[in-house]
């Protein structure tokens, strides 16, 4: 039987290569085994009870109710880094667009249509209105040093810029990927105050919403340009417009246009093109499909945003995966029940990540009886048990 994967948005054909003949991408399904999507908003969506996991072909997951799905035992994956290069290239382009008034000049040039032989003369006469500066030797502040932020920082160094970075959650592995010339600071206000350009690369949460506000703008260097290829809500648009109007902010280039900033002078609105390259879509499709298949067939979790990473090489005849609340005594109750039935546990791994829910994989040398499986399912604080 072919398992159906419900696609709420179109996904690159690289996913089909991974799914093969065993899984089928469909636009409608009553009992899909998994769901894949890009920007589809799932908060008001009724998820079929048959769904084991949700795969987001991209990094942002604000469109998915992560906590609710976790409580229902549904694992949500994303694809961090799969579109990082595509977004990085757009950010570099955005920085150049903020330095040079190319966008304005192109729009103005289009108004010369119909001017005939006068076009060349008009161009020479009007080009001084669109002069700008160069990024060489300027200071770029990268706020958020994840997969994209690291690439932006390193590329900016290669372009001859002074780069300072801020990320209170950066780990050792990520820090090692940074060019040694990138200076990491632990004071956000401090790096904003000395930057000619600011590039935002943080997730949207209660701590980052409106982080670019009246107070932070007033602490920035006059004439700063801000690039936002992360999330619209990171910026207080009213404070932004005031900063643009009084000249404190030079340019704002955003990949997330909203009604309130369209038509505002010195705003360059890009229609959410960060990950819109064939290469990025292929990478995301391939990556999310691999994660879904590995989870369905082996119970392994990679790049989940609502459960900890967990992986175990197969050693037994039957595999149990168990989603449970992260409370004391659950694991011992499971292992005592299974071991007490006379079945040897040949492989075992459990991860909690410090969250509300935890995940365990048990490989058994023989199969559990139906009655014993029901006893495991009925254990207190067990959310979902799956036999693979």
Protein backbone atom coordinates (compact mmCIF):
# COMPACT_ATOMS: atom_id res chain seq x y z
CA UNK A 1 0.00 0.00 0.00
CA UNK A 2 1.33 3.45 -0.93
CA UNK A 3 1.42 5.92 1.98
CA UNK A 4 -0.06 9.30 1.10
CA UNK A 5 1.81 12.51 1.96
CA UNK A 6 -0.56 15.48 1.94
CA UNK A 7 1.03 18.55 0.30
CA UNK A 8 -0.62 21.76 1.53
CA UNK A 9 1.75 23.73 -0.72
CA UNK A 10 3.68 22.71 -3.81
CA UNK A 11 6.98 21.01 -2.99
CA UNK A 12 10.02 20.56 -5.24
CA UNK A 13 10.19 17.36 -7.25
CA UNK A 14 13.34 16.37 -5.38
CA UNK A 15 10.94 15.18 -2.66
CA UNK A 16 9.44 12.67 -5.10
CA UNK A 17 12.86 11.15 -5.66
CA UNK A 18 13.14 10.42 -1.95
CA UNK A 19 9.55 9.25 -1.55
CA UNK A 20 9.84 6.91 -4.55
CA UNK A 21 7.00 4.48 -5.17
CA UNK A 22 6.39 3.84 -1.49
CA UNK A 23 4.99 7.29 -0.78
CA UNK A 24 2.76 9.48 -2.90
CA UNK A 25 2.45 13.28 -2.71
CA UNK A 26 -1.22 14.25 -3.01
CA UNK A 27 -3.23 17.46 -2.74
CA UNK A 28 -6.13 15.77 -0.95
CA UNK A 29 -6.20 12.82 1.44
CA UNK A 30 -8.49 11.55 4.18
CA UNK A 31 -5.77 9.56 5.96
CA UNK A 32 -2.33 10.94 5.12
CA UNK A 33 0.61 9.56 7.03
CA UNK A 34 2.37 12.95 6.91
CA UNK A 35 1.88 16.55 5.79
CA UNK A 36 4.35 18.78 3.94
CA UNK A 37 3.98 22.53 3.49
CA UNK A 38 5.74 25.81 3.03
CA UNK A 39 3.70 28.90 4.04
CA UNK A 40 0.26 27.31 4.59
CA UNK A 41 -1.19 28.57 7.90
CA UNK A 42 -2.04 25.56 10.07
CA UNK A 43 -3.25 27.23 13.25
CA UNK A 44 -6.91 26.89 12.24
CA UNK A 45 -6.38 23.74 10.19
CA UNK A 46 -7.94 20.44 11.27
CA UNK A 47 -5.11 17.94 11.14
CA UNK A 48 -6.17 14.36 10.20
CA UNK A 49 -5.66 11.97 13.11
CA UNK A 50 -3.61 9.66 10.86
CA UNK A 51 -0.76 12.20 10.55
CA UNK A 52 2.46 11.13 12.25
CA UNK A 53 4.55 14.15 11.33
CA UNK A 54 4.53 17.54 9.61
CA UNK A 55 7.41 18.68 7.39
CA UNK A 56 8.02 22.38 6.75
CA UNK A 57 10.09 22.92 3.60
CA UNK A 58 11.87 25.94 5.01
CA UNK A 59 13.16 27.25 8.33
CA UNK A 60 10.37 29.45 9.72
CA UNK A 61 7.56 27.66 11.58
CA UNK A 62 5.38 30.52 12.83
CA UNK A 63 2.59 29.14 10.64
CA UNK A 64 2.45 25.86 12.59
CA UNK A 65 0.97 25.30 16.11
CA UNK A 66 4.03 23.54 17.51
CA UNK A 67 2.88 23.12 21.12
CA UNK A 68 -0.53 21.77 20.16
CA UNK A 69 0.94 19.25 17.76
CA UNK A 70 3.48 18.17 20.38
CA UNK A 71 0.68 17.50 22.85
CA UNK A 72 -1.01 15.38 20.18
CA UNK A 73 2.18 13.42 19.52
CA UNK A 74 2.79 14.93 16.07
CA UNK A 75 6.44 15.66 15.27
CA UNK A 76 7.15 18.82 13.27
CA UNK A 77 10.28 19.09 11.12
CA UNK A 78 11.86 22.05 9.36
CA UNK A 79 14.86 22.34 7.03
CA UNK A 80 17.43 24.65 8.64
CA UNK A 81 20.19 25.65 6.29
CA UNK A 82 18.57 24.26 3.14
CA UNK A 83 17.76 27.74 1.84
CA UNK A 84 20.55 29.55 3.70
CA UNK A 85 22.64 30.40 0.63
CA UNK A 86 19.62 31.73 -1.27
CA UNK A 87 18.69 34.06 1.60
CA UNK A 88 22.32 35.09 2.07
CA UNK A 89 22.57 36.17 -1.56
CA UNK A 90 19.37 38.21 -1.25
CA UNK A 91 20.71 39.88 1.89
CA UNK A 92 23.93 40.87 0.14
CA UNK A 93 21.87 42.21 -2.76
CA UNK A 94 19.67 44.09 -0.26
CA UNK A 95 22.71 45.67 1.35
CA UNK A 96 23.94 46.88 -2.03
CA UNK A 97 20.46 48.21 -2.83
CA UNK A 98 20.54 50.14 0.43
CA UNK A 99 23.98 51.56 -0.34
CA UNK A 100 23.21 52.55 -3.92
CA UNK A 101 19.85 53.95 -5.05
CA UNK A 102 19.64 51.42 -7.85
CA UNK A 103 16.04 50.50 -7.06
CA UNK A 104 14.92 54.14 -7.27
CA UNK A 105 16.95 54.70 -10.40
CA UNK A 106 15.41 51.71 -12.17
CA UNK A 107 11.90 52.88 -11.27
CA UNK A 108 12.72 56.38 -12.53
CA UNK A 109 14.24 55.07 -15.77
CA UNK A 110 10.99 53.29 -16.57
CA UNK A 111 9.19 56.66 -16.51
CA UNK A 112 11.30 57.76 -19.47
CA UNK A 113 9.42 55.41 -21.77
CA UNK A 114 8.22 57.36 -24.78
CA UNK A 115 10.93 60.02 -24.53
CA UNK A 116 12.56 58.79 -27.73
CA UNK A 117 15.96 60.25 -28.56
CA UNK A 118 15.86 62.34 -25.37
CA UNK A 119 16.35 59.27 -23.13
CA UNK A 120 20.15 59.42 -23.10
CA UNK A 121 20.15 63.13 -22.27
CA UNK A 122 17.55 62.68 -19.53
CA UNK A 123 19.53 59.80 -18.02
CA UNK A 124 22.71 61.86 -17.84
CA UNK A 125 20.79 64.75 -16.35
CA UNK A 126 18.94 62.69 -13.76
CA UNK A 127 21.55 60.19 -12.57
CA UNK A 128 22.90 62.49 -9.84
CA UNK A 129 19.62 62.01 -7.96
CA UNK A 130 20.53 58.36 -7.38
CA UNK A 131 24.12 58.51 -6.18
CA UNK A 132 25.06 56.43 -3.15
CA UNK A 133 28.00 54.96 -1.28
CA UNK A 134 30.12 51.82 -1.21
CA UNK A 135 30.08 49.01 1.35
CA UNK A 136 33.86 48.52 1.35
CA UNK A 137 35.26 49.36 4.79
CA UNK A 138 31.82 49.91 6.30
CA UNK A 139 30.55 48.14 9.44
CA UNK A 140 27.85 45.49 9.26
CA UNK A 141 26.03 44.27 12.38
CA UNK A 142 24.58 40.78 11.97
CA UNK A 143 21.88 40.15 14.56
CA UNK A 144 21.46 36.38 14.85
CA UNK A 145 24.23 33.97 13.91
CA UNK A 146 22.37 30.94 12.69
CA UNK A 147 22.94 29.24 9.34
CA UNK A 148 22.03 32.37 7.34
CA UNK A 149 23.62 34.92 9.64
CA UNK A 150 26.96 33.08 9.54
CA UNK A 151 26.97 33.02 5.74
CA UNK A 152 26.08 36.73 5.58
CA UNK A 153 28.81 37.63 8.05
CA UNK A 154 31.49 35.62 6.25
CA UNK A 155 30.54 36.97 2.83
CA UNK A 156 30.58 40.53 4.12
CA UNK A 157 34.12 39.98 5.43
CA UNK A 158 35.13 38.76 1.96
CA UNK A 159 33.66 41.96 0.52
CA UNK A 160 35.94 44.03 2.72
CA UNK A 161 33.51 45.00 5.45
CA UNK A 162 34.04 45.19 9.21
CA UNK A 163 31.58 42.68 10.68
CA UNK A 164 30.25 42.43 14.22
CA UNK A 165 27.78 39.77 15.30
CA UNK A 166 25.29 39.27 18.12
CA UNK A 167 23.65 36.04 19.19
CA UNK A 168 23.14 35.16 22.89
CA UNK A 169 22.44 31.54 21.95
CA UNK A 170 25.33 30.83 19.59
CA UNK A 171 26.95 27.45 20.20
CA UNK A 172 30.57 26.41 19.80
CA UNK A 173 29.93 24.60 16.51
CA UNK A 174 28.36 27.69 14.93
CA UNK A 175 31.06 29.98 16.26
CA UNK A 176 33.71 27.83 14.59
CA UNK A 177 32.07 28.40 11.21
CA UNK A 178 32.53 32.15 11.47
CA UNK A 179 35.41 33.90 9.78
CA UNK A 180 37.91 34.82 12.55
CA UNK A 181 37.58 38.44 11.49
CA UNK A 182 33.93 38.50 12.66
CA UNK A 183 33.83 40.07 16.12
CA UNK A 184 31.14 38.62 18.40
CA UNK A 185 29.64 41.06 20.89
CA UNK A 186 27.24 40.34 23.74
CA UNK A 187 25.62 43.77 23.86
CA UNK A 188 22.94 44.31 21.21
CA UNK A 189 22.69 48.06 21.78
CA UNK A 190 26.45 48.28 21.48
CA UNK A 191 26.66 46.73 18.01
CA UNK A 192 23.63 48.69 16.76
CA UNK A 193 25.27 51.95 17.80
CA UNK A 194 28.35 51.52 15.59
CA UNK A 195 26.88 49.83 12.50
CA UNK A 196 26.47 51.38 9.07
CA UNK A 197 24.33 48.41 8.07
CA UNK A 198 22.20 46.09 10.22
CA UNK A 199 21.00 42.68 9.01
CA UNK A 200 18.36 40.83 11.04
CA UNK A 201 18.46 37.04 11.32
CA UNK A 202 16.60 36.15 14.50
CA UNK A 203 13.48 34.00 14.94
CA UNK A 204 10.23 35.75 15.84
CA UNK A 205 9.22 35.29 19.47
CA UNK A 206 8.10 37.38 22.43
CA UNK A 207 11.69 38.44 23.05
CA UNK A 208 12.42 39.61 19.50
CA UNK A 209 9.06 41.02 18.40
CA UNK A 210 9.52 44.75 17.79
CA UNK A 211 13.23 44.61 18.67
CA UNK A 212 13.81 47.42 16.17
CA UNK A 213 11.80 50.09 17.94
CA UNK A 214 12.01 53.79 18.75
CA UNK A 215 14.54 53.21 21.55
CA UNK A 216 16.84 50.95 19.54
CA UNK A 217 16.64 53.22 16.48
CA UNK A 218 17.63 56.27 18.52
CA UNK A 219 20.70 54.36 19.67
CA UNK A 220 21.81 53.62 16.11
CA UNK A 221 24.31 55.60 14.06
CA UNK A 222 22.62 58.28 11.96
CA UNK A 223 22.31 57.18 8.34
CA UNK A 224 22.12 53.47 9.14
CA UNK A 225 20.52 51.05 6.69
CA UNK A 226 18.48 48.10 7.94
CA UNK A 227 17.96 44.81 6.07
CA UNK A 228 15.20 42.49 7.23
CA UNK A 229 15.10 39.07 5.58
CA UNK A 230 13.89 37.35 8.73
CA UNK A 231 10.38 38.40 9.86
CA UNK A 232 8.34 41.57 9.41
CA UNK A 233 7.31 41.73 13.06
CA UNK A 234 10.89 42.18 14.25
CA UNK A 235 10.50 45.83 13.25
CA UNK A 236 8.08 48.39 14.68
CA UNK A 237 6.94 49.95 11.42
CA UNK A 238 5.73 53.20 12.98
CA UNK A 239 9.09 53.79 14.65
CA UNK A 240 10.81 52.80 11.41
CA UNK A 241 8.83 55.32 9.38
CA UNK A 242 9.63 58.06 11.87
CA UNK A 243 13.32 57.18 11.63
CA UNK A 244 13.20 57.29 7.84
CA UNK A 245 11.35 60.60 7.84
CA UNK A 246 13.81 62.38 10.13
CA UNK A 247 16.81 60.93 8.29
CA UNK A 248 18.11 58.81 11.16
CA UNK A 249 17.59 55.72 8.97
CA UNK A 250 18.94 55.86 5.42
CA UNK A 251 17.19 52.86 3.89
CA UNK A 252 15.05 49.91 4.92
CA UNK A 253 15.13 46.85 2.67
CA UNK A 254 12.67 44.15 3.66
CA UNK A 255 11.62 40.80 2.27
CA UNK A 256 8.28 41.20 4.08
CA UNK A 257 6.26 44.13 2.69
CA UNK A 258 3.21 45.26 4.65
CA UNK A 259 0.53 47.80 3.78
CA UNK A 260 1.93 50.33 6.26
CA UNK A 261 5.33 50.64 4.55
CA UNK A 262 4.40 50.44 0.87
CA UNK A 263 5.02 53.75 -0.87
CA UNK A 264 7.21 55.07 1.98
CA UNK A 265 10.32 56.88 0.77
CA UNK A 266 13.56 54.90 1.14
CA UNK A 267 11.80 51.60 1.71
CA UNK A 268 12.72 48.84 -0.73
CA UNK A 269 9.98 46.19 -0.53
CA UNK A 270 10.96 42.75 -1.87
CA UNK A 271 8.05 40.27 -2.23
CA UNK A 272 9.38 37.50 0.06
CA UNK A 273 11.94 36.17 -2.40
CA UNK A 274 14.54 35.01 0.13
CA UNK A 275 14.14 31.29 -0.55
CA UNK A 276 12.68 31.64 -4.04
CA UNK A 277 15.41 29.94 -6.02
CA UNK A 278 15.23 26.61 -7.76
CA UNK A 279 18.27 25.43 -5.81
CA UNK A 280 16.78 26.32 -2.41
CA UNK A 281 13.46 24.70 -3.20
CA UNK A 282 15.24 21.53 -4.35
CA UNK A 283 17.32 21.45 -1.17
CA UNK A 284 14.28 21.95 1.05
CA UNK A 285 12.23 19.32 -0.77
CA UNK A 286 14.99 16.71 -0.59
CA UNK A 287 15.80 17.44 3.05
CA UNK A 288 12.23 17.43 4.38
CA UNK A 289 11.37 14.23 2.49
CA UNK A 290 14.40 12.42 3.96
CA UNK A 291 13.42 13.48 7.47
CA UNK A 292 9.83 12.31 7.01
CA UNK A 293 10.81 8.92 5.58
CA UNK A 294 13.40 8.29 8.31
CA UNK A 295 10.84 9.09 10.97
CA UNK A 296 8.05 6.98 9.47
CA UNK A 297 10.25 3.97 8.79
CA UNK A 298 12.74 4.16 11.66
CA UNK A 299 11.29 6.56 14.21
CA UNK A 300 14.42 8.73 14.06
CA UNK A 301 13.98 12.47 14.65
CA UNK A 302 16.22 15.00 12.90
CA UNK A 303 15.61 18.77 12.80
CA UNK A 304 12.36 18.71 14.75
CA UNK A 305 11.18 22.00 16.22
CA UNK A 306 8.86 20.52 18.85
CA UNK A 307 10.73 17.35 19.91
CA UNK A 308 14.39 16.63 20.67
CA UNK A 309 16.68 15.02 18.11
CA UNK A 310 16.78 11.27 18.68
CA UNK A 311 18.38 8.49 16.62
CA UNK A 312 19.13 4.79 17.11
CA UNK A 313 20.61 2.21 14.76
CA UNK A 314 18.35 -0.84 14.54
CA UNK A 315 19.37 -3.88 16.57
CA UNK A 316 16.16 -5.80 17.34
CA UNK A 317 13.20 -7.50 15.77
CA UNK A 318 10.65 -4.86 16.75
CA UNK A 319 11.00 -1.14 17.44
CA UNK A 320 8.84 0.94 19.76
CA UNK A 321 8.83 4.73 19.67
CA UNK A 322 7.24 6.46 22.62
CA UNK A 323 6.29 10.11 23.02
CA UNK A 324 5.74 10.92 26.68
CA UNK A 325 5.64 13.79 29.10
CA UNK A 326 9.02 14.77 30.43
CA UNK A 327 8.38 13.75 34.04
CA UNK A 328 10.16 11.50 36.50
CA UNK A 329 9.45 7.77 36.44
CA UNK A 330 8.01 7.36 32.93
CA UNK A 331 11.03 5.63 31.41
CA UNK A 332 11.50 3.23 34.32
CA UNK A 333 7.80 2.32 34.14
CA UNK A 334 8.14 1.53 30.42
CA UNK A 335 11.33 -0.51 30.72
CA UNK A 336 10.06 -2.35 33.82
CA UNK A 337 6.86 -3.30 32.01
CA UNK A 338 8.60 -4.45 28.83
CA UNK A 339 11.47 -6.18 30.63
CA UNK A 340 9.10 -7.79 33.11
CA UNK A 341 7.29 -9.51 30.26
CA UNK A 342 10.47 -11.45 29.47
CA UNK A 343 11.43 -9.44 26.37
CA UNK A 344 15.02 -8.24 26.06
CA UNK A 345 15.59 -4.58 25.18
CA UNK A 346 18.52 -4.73 22.77
CA UNK A 347 18.71 -1.01 22.03
CA UNK A 348 17.47 2.05 23.88
CA UNK A 349 17.76 5.83 23.60
CA UNK A 350 15.80 8.66 25.16
CA UNK A 351 15.97 12.43 24.74
CA UNK A 352 14.08 15.22 26.45
CA UNK A 353 15.86 18.42 25.49
CA UNK A 354 14.51 19.91 28.70
CA UNK A 355 11.08 20.50 27.18
CA UNK A 356 7.56 19.45 28.15
CA UNK A 357 7.73 16.26 26.12
CA UNK A 358 10.37 13.58 25.64
CA UNK A 359 10.95 10.83 23.11
CA UNK A 360 12.26 7.28 23.44
CA UNK A 361 13.19 4.50 21.03
CA UNK A 362 13.32 0.88 22.19
CA UNK A 363 14.55 -2.03 20.06
CA UNK A 364 13.19 -5.40 21.22
CA UNK A 365 14.53 -8.89 20.48
CA UNK A 366 10.98 -10.22 20.12
CA UNK A 367 7.54 -8.74 19.49
CA UNK A 368 5.30 -7.43 22.23
CA UNK A 369 1.89 -9.03 22.53
CA UNK A 370 -1.14 -6.88 21.79
CA UNK A 371 -2.12 -6.93 25.46
CA UNK A 372 1.34 -5.81 26.57
CA UNK A 373 1.37 -3.03 23.97
CA UNK A 374 -1.94 -1.76 25.31
CA UNK A 375 -0.47 -1.70 28.82
CA UNK A 376 2.40 0.45 27.60
CA UNK A 377 -0.02 2.82 25.87
CA UNK A 378 -2.07 3.16 29.09
CA UNK A 379 0.89 4.09 31.26
CA UNK A 380 0.52 7.46 32.95
CA UNK A 381 2.10 10.37 31.01
CA UNK A 382 2.53 8.31 27.81
CA UNK A 383 1.21 10.33 24.84
CA UNK A 384 1.75 8.09 21.82
CA UNK A 385 3.25 4.65 21.16
CA UNK A 386 4.19 3.45 17.70
CA UNK A 387 5.33 0.00 16.58
CA UNK A 388 7.74 -0.11 13.65
